[in-house]
Amino acid sequence: MSQYQGEIESILYTLGDEGISLKNLAAILGLHVSAVRQLLEELQKDYETSEGGLTLLHHHEVYRLATKPKYAPLLHQYFSEHQPTSLSQAALETMAIVAYQQPVTRIDVDQIRGVKSTGALQTLISRQMIKEAGRKEVPGRPILYATTSYFLDYFGLNSINDLPPLTEFSSGKLDQNGNLDLFFRNRPSQTDELEEGHQDETNGNDGTTSEGHR
């Protein structure tokens, strides 16, 4: 493999979920874009033919390291067993909305679900399923939320485009039937629902705590 393998892997590992664009990587390495693309293709082939657990994913010429899809069930099992509780119904609903509507604000999620979602969003952030993805350029500049690369690994997806096709959220309501089964395979415990409901109540009636000015 090229002498640049170590440099490329170090950069990809350090940047983690965000990955790096082909153009930026070429600038860092001081190489032409076409040369870096070839290096990345070679690296990807090496990962595919090796017995290691990593692979190289790319979408719109943004590259990142990830675990191979065949290890998704193992990771799913591990994190399911080592989480203090399973995700609640509220968190699963919120995660589905963020996944299909991203980037999305908390207010948008609230409108689709019909209830406040502050606690559910905080839970998903703590589980590394979603992340803050900037702010919407409207009055108040509310936080935008999007899914993480761990979300993709957890569900065995290469990119968000691999989500099952879904009809628009009709009438502003969330339909849990059909393709949303990806998120609703495991039913939550009543304790989880109570805990997240309490979190939303303590954030105030308008639910603005997590989306105030910074």
N, C-alpha and C. Protein backbone atom coordinates (compact mmCIF):
# COMPACT_ATOMS: atom_id res chain seq x y z
N MET A 1 0.84 -1.20 0.00
CA MET A 1 0.00 0.00 0.00
C MET A 1 0.87 1.24 0.00
N SER A 2 0.34 2.33 -0.53
CA SER A 2 1.07 3.58 -0.64
C SER A 2 1.56 4.08 0.70
N GLN A 3 2.62 4.89 0.65
CA GLN A 3 3.17 5.50 1.85
C GLN A 3 2.16 6.43 2.52
N TYR A 4 1.12 6.80 1.79
CA TYR A 4 0.13 7.72 2.33
C TYR A 4 -0.95 7.02 3.16
N GLN A 5 -0.93 5.69 3.20
CA GLN A 5 -1.98 4.97 3.91
C GLN A 5 -2.09 5.40 5.36
N GLY A 6 -0.95 5.44 6.04
CA GLY A 6 -0.97 5.82 7.45
C GLY A 6 -1.51 7.22 7.66
N GLU A 7 -1.12 8.14 6.78
CA GLU A 7 -1.59 9.52 6.91
C GLU A 7 -3.10 9.60 6.70
N ILE A 8 -3.58 8.90 5.67
CA ILE A 8 -5.01 8.92 5.38
C ILE A 8 -5.81 8.31 6.52
N GLU A 9 -5.36 7.16 7.01
CA GLU A 9 -6.07 6.50 8.10
C GLU A 9 -6.07 7.35 9.36
N SER A 10 -4.96 8.00 9.65
CA SER A 10 -4.88 8.86 10.84
C SER A 10 -5.87 10.01 10.75
N ILE A 11 -5.96 10.60 9.58
CA ILE A 11 -6.90 11.71 9.38
C ILE A 11 -8.34 11.23 9.52
N LEU A 12 -8.66 10.12 8.87
CA LEU A 12 -10.02 9.59 8.92
C LEU A 12 -10.41 9.19 10.33
N TYR A 13 -9.48 8.57 11.05
CA TYR A 13 -9.76 8.14 12.42
C TYR A 13 -10.00 9.35 13.32
N THR A 14 -9.17 10.37 13.17
CA THR A 14 -9.28 11.56 14.01
C THR A 14 -10.59 12.31 13.78
N LEU A 15 -11.02 12.38 12.53
CA LEU A 15 -12.24 13.13 12.21
C LEU A 15 -13.51 12.36 12.52
N GLY A 16 -13.40 11.04 12.66
CA GLY A 16 -14.52 10.24 13.12
C GLY A 16 -15.79 10.39 12.31
N ASP A 17 -16.90 10.71 13.01
CA ASP A 17 -18.22 10.78 12.38
C ASP A 17 -18.28 11.75 11.22
N GLU A 18 -17.58 12.87 11.35
CA GLU A 18 -17.70 13.92 10.34
C GLU A 18 -17.08 13.51 9.01
N GLY A 19 -16.01 12.70 9.05
CA GLY A 19 -15.33 12.34 7.82
C GLY A 19 -14.63 13.55 7.21
N ILE A 20 -14.18 13.41 6.00
CA ILE A 20 -13.49 14.50 5.32
C ILE A 20 -13.77 14.44 3.83
N SER A 21 -13.90 15.59 3.22
CA SER A 21 -14.17 15.63 1.78
C SER A 21 -12.90 15.29 1.01
N LEU A 22 -13.09 14.79 -0.18
CA LEU A 22 -11.97 14.44 -1.04
C LEU A 22 -11.09 15.66 -1.30
N LYS A 23 -11.72 16.78 -1.51
CA LYS A 23 -10.98 18.02 -1.79
C LYS A 23 -10.11 18.43 -0.61
N ASN A 24 -10.67 18.38 0.59
CA ASN A 24 -9.91 18.78 1.78
C ASN A 24 -8.77 17.81 2.07
N LEU A 25 -9.03 16.52 1.87
CA LEU A 25 -8.00 15.52 2.10
C LEU A 25 -6.84 15.73 1.12
N ALA A 26 -7.16 16.02 -0.12
CA ALA A 26 -6.12 16.28 -1.12
C ALA A 26 -5.28 17.49 -0.73
N ALA A 27 -5.94 18.51 -0.20
CA ALA A 27 -5.22 19.72 0.21
C ALA A 27 -4.27 19.43 1.36
N ILE A 28 -4.72 18.62 2.32
CA ILE A 28 -3.87 18.28 3.47
C ILE A 28 -2.65 17.48 3.03
N LEU A 29 -2.87 16.53 2.12
CA LEU A 29 -1.78 15.67 1.67
C LEU A 29 -0.90 16.34 0.61
N GLY A 30 -1.38 17.43 0.05
CA GLY A 30 -0.62 18.11 -0.99
C GLY A 30 -0.60 17.34 -2.29
N LEU A 31 -1.70 16.63 -2.58
CA LEU A 31 -1.79 15.82 -3.79
C LEU A 31 -2.98 16.26 -4.63
N HIS A 32 -2.96 15.85 -5.90
CA HIS A 32 -4.09 16.14 -6.78
C HIS A 32 -5.28 15.29 -6.36
N VAL A 33 -6.48 15.84 -6.56
CA VAL A 33 -7.70 15.14 -6.17
C VAL A 33 -7.78 13.75 -6.79
N SER A 34 -7.43 13.61 -8.06
CA SER A 34 -7.52 12.31 -8.73
C SER A 34 -6.58 11.29 -8.09
N ALA A 35 -5.41 11.75 -7.65
CA ALA A 35 -4.45 10.85 -7.00
C ALA A 35 -4.98 10.38 -5.66
N VAL A 36 -5.60 11.28 -4.91
CA VAL A 36 -6.15 10.91 -3.60
C VAL A 36 -7.34 9.98 -3.77
N ARG A 37 -8.15 10.21 -4.79
CA ARG A 37 -9.28 9.31 -5.05
C ARG A 37 -8.77 7.89 -5.31
N GLN A 38 -7.70 7.77 -6.06
CA GLN A 38 -7.13 6.46 -6.34
C GLN A 38 -6.59 5.81 -5.07
N LEU A 39 -5.94 6.61 -4.22
CA LEU A 39 -5.43 6.09 -2.95
C LEU A 39 -6.57 5.59 -2.07
N LEU A 40 -7.66 6.32 -2.06
CA LEU A 40 -8.81 5.91 -1.25
C LEU A 40 -9.44 4.64 -1.81
N GLU A 41 -9.49 4.51 -3.11
CA GLU A 41 -10.02 3.29 -3.73
C GLU A 41 -9.16 2.09 -3.37
N GLU A 42 -7.85 2.28 -3.37
CA GLU A 42 -6.93 1.21 -3.00
C GLU A 42 -7.11 0.83 -1.53
N LEU A 43 -7.27 1.85 -0.69
CA LEU A 43 -7.47 1.60 0.74
C LEU A 43 -8.77 0.84 0.98
N GLN A 44 -9.81 1.22 0.25
CA GLN A 44 -11.09 0.55 0.39
C GLN A 44 -11.00 -0.92 -0.03
N LYS A 45 -10.27 -1.19 -1.10
CA LYS A 45 -10.09 -2.57 -1.55
C LYS A 45 -9.32 -3.38 -0.50
N ASP A 46 -8.32 -2.75 0.11
CA ASP A 46 -7.55 -3.42 1.16
C ASP A 46 -8.46 -3.82 2.32
N TYR A 47 -9.33 -2.90 2.71
CA TYR A 47 -10.26 -3.19 3.81
C TYR A 47 -11.21 -4.32 3.43
N GLU A 48 -11.69 -4.30 2.20
CA GLU A 48 -12.66 -5.30 1.76
C GLU A 48 -12.07 -6.70 1.72
N THR A 49 -10.79 -6.80 1.39
CA THR A 49 -10.15 -8.12 1.27
C THR A 49 -9.48 -8.58 2.55
N SER A 50 -9.41 -7.71 3.55
CA SER A 50 -8.75 -8.08 4.80
C SER A 50 -9.76 -8.70 5.76
N GLU A 51 -9.25 -9.30 6.83
CA GLU A 51 -10.10 -9.89 7.86
C GLU A 51 -10.44 -8.88 8.95
N GLY A 52 -9.97 -7.65 8.80
CA GLY A 52 -10.24 -6.63 9.80
C GLY A 52 -11.70 -6.22 9.84
N GLY A 53 -12.04 -5.44 10.85
CA GLY A 53 -13.44 -5.05 11.04
C GLY A 53 -13.80 -3.69 10.47
N LEU A 54 -12.84 -3.01 9.85
CA LEU A 54 -13.11 -1.67 9.33
C LEU A 54 -13.35 -1.65 7.83
N THR A 55 -14.06 -0.63 7.40
CA THR A 55 -14.27 -0.39 5.98
C THR A 55 -14.26 1.11 5.74
N LEU A 56 -14.21 1.50 4.50
CA LEU A 56 -14.18 2.92 4.14
C LEU A 56 -15.48 3.25 3.41
N LEU A 57 -16.22 4.19 3.96
CA LEU A 57 -17.48 4.60 3.35
C LEU A 57 -17.35 6.00 2.77
N HIS A 58 -18.11 6.28 1.73
CA HIS A 58 -18.11 7.63 1.19
C HIS A 58 -19.48 7.97 0.63
N HIS A 59 -19.83 9.23 0.75
CA HIS A 59 -21.11 9.72 0.25
C HIS A 59 -20.91 11.17 -0.15
N HIS A 60 -21.23 11.49 -1.41
CA HIS A 60 -20.99 12.84 -1.93
C HIS A 60 -19.53 13.25 -1.74
N GLU A 61 -18.63 12.30 -1.96
CA GLU A 61 -17.18 12.53 -1.88
C GLU A 61 -16.72 12.96 -0.49
N VAL A 62 -17.46 12.54 0.53
CA VAL A 62 -17.01 12.68 1.92
C VAL A 62 -16.72 11.27 2.43
N TYR A 63 -15.52 11.06 2.94
CA TYR A 63 -15.07 9.73 3.33
C TYR A 63 -14.96 9.62 4.85
N ARG A 64 -15.29 8.42 5.37
CA ARG A 64 -15.14 8.16 6.80
C ARG A 64 -14.91 6.67 7.03
N LEU A 65 -14.26 6.37 8.15
CA LEU A 65 -14.08 4.99 8.55
C LEU A 65 -15.33 4.49 9.26
N ALA A 66 -15.63 3.22 9.09
CA ALA A 66 -16.78 2.62 9.76
C ALA A 66 -16.52 1.13 9.95
N THR A 67 -17.35 0.50 10.75
CA THR A 67 -17.24 -0.94 10.91
C THR A 67 -17.95 -1.63 9.75
N LYS A 68 -17.50 -2.83 9.40
CA LYS A 68 -18.11 -3.56 8.30
C LYS A 68 -19.55 -3.95 8.65
N PRO A 69 -20.45 -3.91 7.66
CA PRO A 69 -21.86 -4.22 7.91
C PRO A 69 -22.08 -5.58 8.57
N LYS A 70 -21.23 -6.56 8.28
CA LYS A 70 -21.45 -7.90 8.84
C LYS A 70 -21.28 -7.92 10.35
N TYR A 71 -20.65 -6.88 10.91
CA TYR A 71 -20.47 -6.83 12.36
C TYR A 71 -21.57 -6.03 13.05
N ALA A 72 -22.52 -5.49 12.28
CA ALA A 72 -23.60 -4.70 12.86
C ALA A 72 -24.39 -5.47 13.92
N PRO A 73 -24.77 -6.76 13.67
CA PRO A 73 -25.50 -7.49 14.71
C PRO A 73 -24.71 -7.63 16.01
N LEU A 74 -23.40 -7.83 15.90
CA LEU A 74 -22.56 -7.95 17.09
C LEU A 74 -22.55 -6.65 17.88
N LEU A 75 -22.38 -5.53 17.17
CA LEU A 75 -22.37 -4.23 17.83
C LEU A 75 -23.73 -3.92 18.43
N HIS A 76 -24.77 -4.27 17.69
CA HIS A 76 -26.14 -4.07 18.17
C HIS A 76 -26.34 -4.81 19.49
N GLN A 77 -25.90 -6.07 19.52
CA GLN A 77 -26.05 -6.88 20.72
C GLN A 77 -25.26 -6.29 21.88
N TYR A 78 -24.02 -5.89 21.60
CA TYR A 78 -23.17 -5.35 22.67
C TYR A 78 -23.79 -4.11 23.29
N PHE A 79 -24.17 -3.15 22.45
CA PHE A 79 -24.67 -1.89 22.99
C PHE A 79 -26.05 -2.06 23.61
N SER A 80 -26.82 -3.02 23.13
CA SER A 80 -28.11 -3.29 23.76
C SER A 80 -27.91 -3.81 25.17
N GLU A 81 -26.91 -4.66 25.35
CA GLU A 81 -26.65 -5.25 26.66
C GLU A 81 -25.98 -4.28 27.62
N HIS A 82 -25.25 -3.29 27.09
CA HIS A 82 -24.48 -2.39 27.94
C HIS A 82 -25.12 -1.02 28.10
N GLN A 83 -26.31 -0.83 27.56
CA GLN A 83 -27.03 0.40 27.82
C GLN A 83 -27.84 0.20 29.10
N PRO A 84 -27.98 1.23 29.94
CA PRO A 84 -28.73 1.08 31.17
C PRO A 84 -30.19 0.73 30.94
N THR A 85 -30.79 1.22 29.86
CA THR A 85 -32.17 0.89 29.51
C THR A 85 -32.29 0.91 27.99
N SER A 86 -33.34 0.27 27.49
CA SER A 86 -33.59 0.33 26.06
C SER A 86 -34.20 1.69 25.73
N LEU A 87 -34.19 2.03 24.46
CA LEU A 87 -34.79 3.30 24.05
C LEU A 87 -36.30 3.26 24.24
N SER A 88 -36.84 4.35 24.73
CA SER A 88 -38.28 4.43 24.96
C SER A 88 -39.03 4.65 23.65
N GLN A 89 -40.35 4.51 23.73
CA GLN A 89 -41.19 4.79 22.58
C GLN A 89 -40.98 6.22 22.10
N ALA A 90 -40.90 7.15 23.04
CA ALA A 90 -40.70 8.56 22.69
C ALA A 90 -39.38 8.76 21.95
N ALA A 91 -38.32 8.10 22.43
CA ALA A 91 -37.01 8.23 21.79
C ALA A 91 -37.02 7.61 20.40
N LEU A 92 -37.68 6.46 20.25
CA LEU A 92 -37.74 5.81 18.95
C LEU A 92 -38.50 6.66 17.94
N GLU A 93 -39.61 7.24 18.38
CA GLU A 93 -40.37 8.12 17.49
C GLU A 93 -39.51 9.31 17.06
N THR A 94 -38.84 9.91 18.05
CA THR A 94 -38.01 11.07 17.77
C THR A 94 -36.87 10.72 16.83
N MET A 95 -36.24 9.56 17.05
CA MET A 95 -35.14 9.13 16.20
C MET A 95 -35.60 8.92 14.76
N ALA A 96 -36.78 8.35 14.59
CA ALA A 96 -37.31 8.13 13.24
C ALA A 96 -37.54 9.45 12.52
N ILE A 97 -38.07 10.43 13.25
CA ILE A 97 -38.32 11.74 12.65
C ILE A 97 -37.02 12.41 12.25
N VAL A 98 -36.04 12.40 13.15
CA VAL A 98 -34.75 13.01 12.84
C VAL A 98 -34.11 12.33 11.63
N ALA A 99 -34.18 11.00 11.60
CA ALA A 99 -33.54 10.24 10.51
C ALA A 99 -34.12 10.62 9.15
N TYR A 100 -35.45 10.74 9.07
CA TYR A 100 -36.08 10.98 7.78
C TYR A 100 -36.23 12.46 7.42
N GLN A 101 -36.17 13.34 8.42
CA GLN A 101 -36.41 14.76 8.16
C GLN A 101 -35.16 15.62 8.32
N GLN A 102 -34.04 15.03 8.71
CA GLN A 102 -32.84 15.79 9.05
C GLN A 102 -32.33 16.69 7.92
N PRO A 103 -31.71 17.83 8.31
CA PRO A 103 -31.59 18.34 9.67
C PRO A 103 -32.92 18.94 10.12
N VAL A 104 -33.25 18.75 11.38
CA VAL A 104 -34.57 19.13 11.87
C VAL A 104 -34.43 19.77 13.24
N THR A 105 -35.31 20.70 13.57
CA THR A 105 -35.28 21.36 14.87
C THR A 105 -36.16 20.62 15.86
N ARG A 106 -35.98 20.94 17.13
CA ARG A 106 -36.81 20.33 18.17
C ARG A 106 -38.27 20.71 17.97
N ILE A 107 -38.51 21.95 17.56
CA ILE A 107 -39.89 22.39 17.34
C ILE A 107 -40.54 21.59 16.22
N ASP A 108 -39.79 21.31 15.17
CA ASP A 108 -40.32 20.48 14.07
C ASP A 108 -40.70 19.10 14.58
N VAL A 109 -39.82 18.52 15.41
CA VAL A 109 -40.09 17.19 15.96
C VAL A 109 -41.34 17.24 16.83
N ASP A 110 -41.45 18.27 17.67
CA ASP A 110 -42.62 18.42 18.54
C ASP A 110 -43.91 18.48 17.73
N GLN A 111 -43.88 19.21 16.63
CA GLN A 111 -45.09 19.38 15.81
C GLN A 111 -45.51 18.06 15.17
N ILE A 112 -44.55 17.26 14.75
CA ILE A 112 -44.88 15.97 14.14
C ILE A 112 -45.40 14.99 15.18
N ARG A 113 -44.73 14.95 16.35
CA ARG A 113 -45.14 14.01 17.40
C ARG A 113 -46.38 14.47 18.14
N GLY A 114 -46.58 15.79 18.22
CA GLY A 114 -47.72 16.31 18.95
C GLY A 114 -47.47 16.50 20.43
N VAL A 115 -46.24 16.23 20.87
CA VAL A 115 -45.84 16.41 22.27
C VAL A 115 -44.41 16.93 22.30
N LYS A 116 -43.98 17.39 23.47
CA LYS A 116 -42.62 17.90 23.60
C LYS A 116 -41.61 16.75 23.49
N SER A 117 -40.45 17.04 22.93
CA SER A 117 -39.46 16.00 22.65
C SER A 117 -38.08 16.30 23.23
N THR A 118 -38.00 17.28 24.12
CA THR A 118 -36.70 17.67 24.66
C THR A 118 -35.99 16.50 25.33
N GLY A 119 -36.70 15.78 26.19
CA GLY A 119 -36.09 14.65 26.89
C GLY A 119 -35.63 13.56 25.95
N ALA A 120 -36.46 13.27 24.93
CA ALA A 120 -36.10 12.23 23.96
C ALA A 120 -34.86 12.63 23.17
N LEU A 121 -34.77 13.89 22.79
CA LEU A 121 -33.58 14.36 22.06
C LEU A 121 -32.33 14.25 22.91
N GLN A 122 -32.44 14.61 24.19
CA GLN A 122 -31.30 14.50 25.09
C GLN A 122 -30.85 13.05 25.25
N THR A 123 -31.83 12.15 25.33
CA THR A 123 -31.50 10.73 25.43
C THR A 123 -30.76 10.24 24.20
N LEU A 124 -31.23 10.62 23.03
CA LEU A 124 -30.60 10.18 21.78
C LEU A 124 -29.20 10.76 21.62
N ILE A 125 -28.99 11.98 22.07
CA ILE A 125 -27.65 12.57 22.04
C ILE A 125 -26.73 11.81 22.97
N SER A 126 -27.21 11.47 24.17
CA SER A 126 -26.38 10.73 25.13
C SER A 126 -26.04 9.34 24.62
N ARG A 127 -26.92 8.77 23.79
CA ARG A 127 -26.66 7.45 23.21
C ARG A 127 -25.88 7.55 21.90
N GLN A 128 -25.53 8.76 21.50
CA GLN A 128 -24.75 9.02 20.28
C GLN A 128 -25.49 8.62 19.01
N MET A 129 -26.83 8.60 19.08
CA MET A 129 -27.63 8.30 17.90
C MET A 129 -27.83 9.55 17.04
N ILE A 130 -27.93 10.71 17.69
CA ILE A 130 -28.08 11.96 16.97
C ILE A 130 -27.08 12.97 17.51
N LYS A 131 -26.93 14.07 16.79
CA LYS A 131 -25.99 15.11 17.19
C LYS A 131 -26.53 16.47 16.77
N GLU A 132 -26.00 17.53 17.36
CA GLU A 132 -26.33 18.87 16.91
C GLU A 132 -25.64 19.11 15.57
N ALA A 133 -26.38 19.69 14.65
CA ALA A 133 -25.86 19.87 13.29
C ALA A 133 -26.01 21.32 12.84
N GLY A 134 -25.60 22.24 13.70
CA GLY A 134 -25.68 23.65 13.37
C GLY A 134 -26.98 24.26 13.86
N ARG A 135 -27.29 25.43 13.33
CA ARG A 135 -28.50 26.14 13.72
C ARG A 135 -29.25 26.62 12.49
N LYS A 136 -30.56 26.63 12.59
CA LYS A 136 -31.40 27.09 11.49
C LYS A 136 -31.39 28.62 11.45
N GLU A 137 -31.20 29.17 10.26
CA GLU A 137 -31.10 30.62 10.13
C GLU A 137 -32.48 31.26 10.09
N VAL A 138 -33.14 31.22 11.24
CA VAL A 138 -34.43 31.88 11.45
C VAL A 138 -34.36 32.57 12.80
N PRO A 139 -35.30 33.44 13.12
CA PRO A 139 -35.27 34.10 14.43
C PRO A 139 -35.16 33.08 15.57
N GLY A 140 -34.23 33.34 16.49
CA GLY A 140 -33.98 32.42 17.59
C GLY A 140 -32.91 31.38 17.29
N ARG A 141 -32.60 31.19 16.01
CA ARG A 141 -31.58 30.25 15.55
C ARG A 141 -31.65 28.91 16.32
N PRO A 142 -32.75 28.18 16.20
CA PRO A 142 -32.86 26.90 16.91
C PRO A 142 -31.85 25.87 16.42
N ILE A 143 -31.48 24.97 17.31
CA ILE A 143 -30.52 23.92 17.00
C ILE A 143 -31.12 22.94 15.99
N LEU A 144 -30.31 22.53 15.04
CA LEU A 144 -30.68 21.48 14.10
C LEU A 144 -30.09 20.15 14.56
N TYR A 145 -30.83 19.08 14.37
CA TYR A 145 -30.38 17.75 14.77
C TYR A 145 -30.29 16.83 13.56
N ALA A 146 -29.29 15.95 13.58
CA ALA A 146 -29.10 14.97 12.51
C ALA A 146 -28.58 13.68 13.13
N THR A 147 -28.63 12.60 12.37
CA THR A 147 -28.13 11.32 12.87
C THR A 147 -26.61 11.26 12.77
N THR A 148 -26.01 10.33 13.51
CA THR A 148 -24.56 10.16 13.55
C THR A 148 -24.13 8.94 12.75
N SER A 149 -22.84 8.77 12.61
CA SER A 149 -22.33 7.57 11.93
C SER A 149 -22.60 6.33 12.79
N TYR A 150 -22.66 6.50 14.12
CA TYR A 150 -22.99 5.36 14.98
C TYR A 150 -24.42 4.89 14.70
N PHE A 151 -25.32 5.84 14.43
CA PHE A 151 -26.68 5.48 14.04
C PHE A 151 -26.66 4.58 12.81
N LEU A 152 -25.84 4.95 11.81
CA LEU A 152 -25.73 4.14 10.60
C LEU A 152 -25.18 2.76 10.91
N ASP A 153 -24.11 2.71 11.72
CA ASP A 153 -23.51 1.42 12.08
C ASP A 153 -24.50 0.55 12.85
N TYR A 154 -25.24 1.16 13.75
CA TYR A 154 -26.18 0.43 14.60
C TYR A 154 -27.26 -0.27 13.78
N PHE A 155 -27.73 0.42 12.74
CA PHE A 155 -28.78 -0.14 11.90
C PHE A 155 -28.24 -0.80 10.63
N GLY A 156 -26.91 -0.89 10.52
CA GLY A 156 -26.31 -1.57 9.38
C GLY A 156 -26.50 -0.84 8.06
N LEU A 157 -26.45 0.49 8.10
CA LEU A 157 -26.64 1.31 6.90
C LEU A 157 -25.32 1.92 6.46
N ASN A 158 -25.10 2.01 5.16
CA ASN A 158 -23.90 2.67 4.65
C ASN A 158 -24.06 4.18 4.63
N SER A 159 -25.26 4.65 4.33
CA SER A 159 -25.55 6.08 4.34
C SER A 159 -27.02 6.26 4.66
N ILE A 160 -27.40 7.50 4.94
CA ILE A 160 -28.79 7.78 5.28
C ILE A 160 -29.71 7.48 4.11
N ASN A 161 -29.16 7.46 2.89
CA ASN A 161 -29.96 7.15 1.71
C ASN A 161 -30.39 5.69 1.67
N ASP A 162 -29.78 4.85 2.53
CA ASP A 162 -30.14 3.44 2.57
C ASP A 162 -31.37 3.17 3.45
N LEU A 163 -31.90 4.21 4.09
CA LEU A 163 -33.13 4.03 4.86
C LEU A 163 -34.24 3.56 3.94
N PRO A 164 -35.13 2.70 4.42
CA PRO A 164 -36.24 2.25 3.58
C PRO A 164 -37.06 3.45 3.11
N PRO A 165 -37.56 3.43 1.86
CA PRO A 165 -38.37 4.55 1.36
C PRO A 165 -39.56 4.78 2.28
N LEU A 166 -39.92 6.03 2.44
CA LEU A 166 -41.01 6.36 3.34
C LEU A 166 -41.85 7.48 2.74
N THR A 167 -43.17 7.32 2.78
CA THR A 167 -44.06 8.39 2.34
C THR A 167 -43.90 9.57 3.28
N GLU A 168 -44.13 10.75 2.79
CA GLU A 168 -44.02 11.96 3.61
C GLU A 168 -44.82 11.78 4.90
N PHE A 169 -44.36 12.43 5.98
CA PHE A 169 -45.12 12.41 7.21
C PHE A 169 -46.44 13.16 6.95
N SER A 170 -47.49 12.40 6.72
CA SER A 170 -48.75 12.99 6.30
C SER A 170 -49.45 13.71 7.44
N SER A 171 -50.02 14.85 7.13
CA SER A 171 -50.80 15.64 8.09
C SER A 171 -50.04 15.95 9.36
N GLY A 172 -48.71 15.97 9.26
CA GLY A 172 -47.91 16.31 10.43
C GLY A 172 -47.93 15.25 11.50
N LYS A 173 -48.33 14.02 11.14
CA LYS A 173 -48.42 12.95 12.13
C LYS A 173 -47.42 11.85 11.81
N LEU A 174 -47.01 11.15 12.85
CA LEU A 174 -46.05 10.07 12.69
C LEU A 174 -46.78 8.75 12.55
N ASP A 175 -46.55 8.06 11.44
CA ASP A 175 -47.14 6.75 11.20
C ASP A 175 -46.12 5.69 11.57
N GLN A 176 -46.40 4.88 12.60
CA GLN A 176 -45.46 3.88 13.06
C GLN A 176 -45.55 2.58 12.28
N ASN A 177 -46.45 2.51 11.33
CA ASN A 177 -46.61 1.28 10.56
C ASN A 177 -45.66 1.24 9.37
N GLY A 178 -45.62 0.12 8.71
CA GLY A 178 -44.83 0.00 7.48
C GLY A 178 -43.35 0.07 7.72
N ASN A 179 -42.67 0.93 6.96
CA ASN A 179 -41.22 0.95 6.96
C ASN A 179 -40.60 1.45 8.25
N LEU A 180 -41.36 2.12 9.10
CA LEU A 180 -40.81 2.58 10.37
C LEU A 180 -40.55 1.42 11.32
N ASP A 181 -40.89 0.21 10.90
CA ASP A 181 -40.60 -0.97 11.72
C ASP A 181 -39.11 -1.08 12.02
N LEU A 182 -38.26 -0.48 11.19
CA LEU A 182 -36.81 -0.48 11.43
C LEU A 182 -36.51 0.05 12.82
N PHE A 183 -37.29 1.02 13.29
CA PHE A 183 -37.03 1.66 14.57
C PHE A 183 -37.85 1.06 15.71
N PHE A 184 -38.96 0.41 15.39
CA PHE A 184 -39.87 -0.02 16.44
C PHE A 184 -39.89 -1.53 16.66
N ARG A 185 -38.74 -2.17 16.44
CA ARG A 185 -38.67 -3.62 16.62
C ARG A 185 -38.76 -3.99 18.10
N ASN A 186 -38.17 -3.17 18.96
CA ASN A 186 -38.15 -3.46 20.39
C ASN A 186 -39.06 -2.49 21.12
N ARG A 187 -39.97 -3.02 21.89
CA ARG A 187 -40.87 -2.18 22.64
C ARG A 187 -40.18 -1.64 23.88
N PRO A 188 -40.42 -0.39 24.26
CA PRO A 188 -39.76 0.21 25.41
C PRO A 188 -40.41 -0.20 26.71
N SER A 189 -39.72 0.08 27.80
CA SER A 189 -40.28 -0.18 29.11
C SER A 189 -41.05 1.03 29.58
N GLN A 190 -42.00 0.82 30.49
CA GLN A 190 -42.79 1.92 31.01
C GLN A 190 -41.91 2.90 31.78
N THR A 191 -40.86 2.38 32.43
CA THR A 191 -39.95 3.23 33.19
C THR A 191 -39.30 4.26 32.28
N ASP A 192 -38.88 3.84 31.09
CA ASP A 192 -38.25 4.76 30.14
C ASP A 192 -39.19 5.90 29.79
N GLU A 193 -40.47 5.56 29.54
CA GLU A 193 -41.44 6.58 29.17
C GLU A 193 -41.59 7.61 30.28
N LEU A 194 -41.68 7.13 31.52
CA LEU A 194 -41.87 8.02 32.65
C LEU A 194 -40.67 8.93 32.83
N GLU A 195 -39.45 8.37 32.67
CA GLU A 195 -38.24 9.16 32.85
C GLU A 195 -38.15 10.28 31.83
N GLU A 196 -38.44 10.00 30.55
CA GLU A 196 -38.33 11.02 29.53
C GLU A 196 -39.45 12.02 29.61
N GLY A 197 -40.64 11.57 30.05
CA GLY A 197 -41.73 12.50 30.24
C GLY A 197 -41.39 13.52 31.32
N HIS A 198 -40.74 13.04 32.39
CA HIS A 198 -40.33 13.93 33.47
C HIS A 198 -39.30 14.93 32.98
N GLN A 199 -38.36 14.49 32.13
CA GLN A 199 -37.35 15.39 31.59
C GLN A 199 -37.99 16.51 30.80
N ASP A 200 -39.01 16.20 30.00
CA ASP A 200 -39.67 17.23 29.21
C ASP A 200 -40.41 18.22 30.09
N GLU A 201 -41.03 17.73 31.17
CA GLU A 201 -41.75 18.61 32.07
C GLU A 201 -40.81 19.59 32.75
N THR A 202 -39.63 19.10 33.16
CA THR A 202 -38.70 19.95 33.88
C THR A 202 -38.02 20.95 32.98
N ASN A 203 -38.16 20.83 31.67
CA ASN A 203 -37.57 21.80 30.75
C ASN A 203 -38.51 22.95 30.45
N GLY A 204 -39.62 23.01 31.15
CA GLY A 204 -40.52 24.14 30.97
C GLY A 204 -41.59 23.86 29.94
N ASN A 205 -42.67 24.63 30.03
CA ASN A 205 -43.80 24.40 29.15
C ASN A 205 -43.49 24.64 27.69
N ASP A 206 -42.59 25.59 27.41
CA ASP A 206 -42.29 25.88 26.01
C ASP A 206 -41.18 25.04 25.46
N GLY A 207 -40.49 24.25 26.33
CA GLY A 207 -39.46 23.33 25.87
C GLY A 207 -38.30 24.01 25.20
N THR A 208 -37.95 25.25 25.63
CA THR A 208 -36.92 26.00 24.92
C THR A 208 -35.54 25.84 25.52
N THR A 209 -35.41 25.12 26.63
CA THR A 209 -34.13 25.03 27.33
C THR A 209 -33.01 24.58 26.44
N SER A 210 -33.25 23.53 25.65
CA SER A 210 -32.17 22.96 24.85
C SER A 210 -31.95 23.70 23.54
N GLU A 211 -32.76 24.72 23.24
CA GLU A 211 -32.60 25.42 21.98
C GLU A 211 -32.51 26.93 22.18
N GLY A 212 -32.07 27.33 23.32
CA GLY A 212 -31.90 28.75 23.56
C GLY A 212 -30.67 29.27 22.89
N HIS A 213 -30.41 30.57 23.01
CA HIS A 213 -29.23 31.17 22.41
C HIS A 213 -27.99 30.66 23.09
N ARG A 214 -26.91 30.54 22.31
CA ARG A 214 -25.63 30.14 22.86
C ARG A 214 -24.61 31.22 22.59
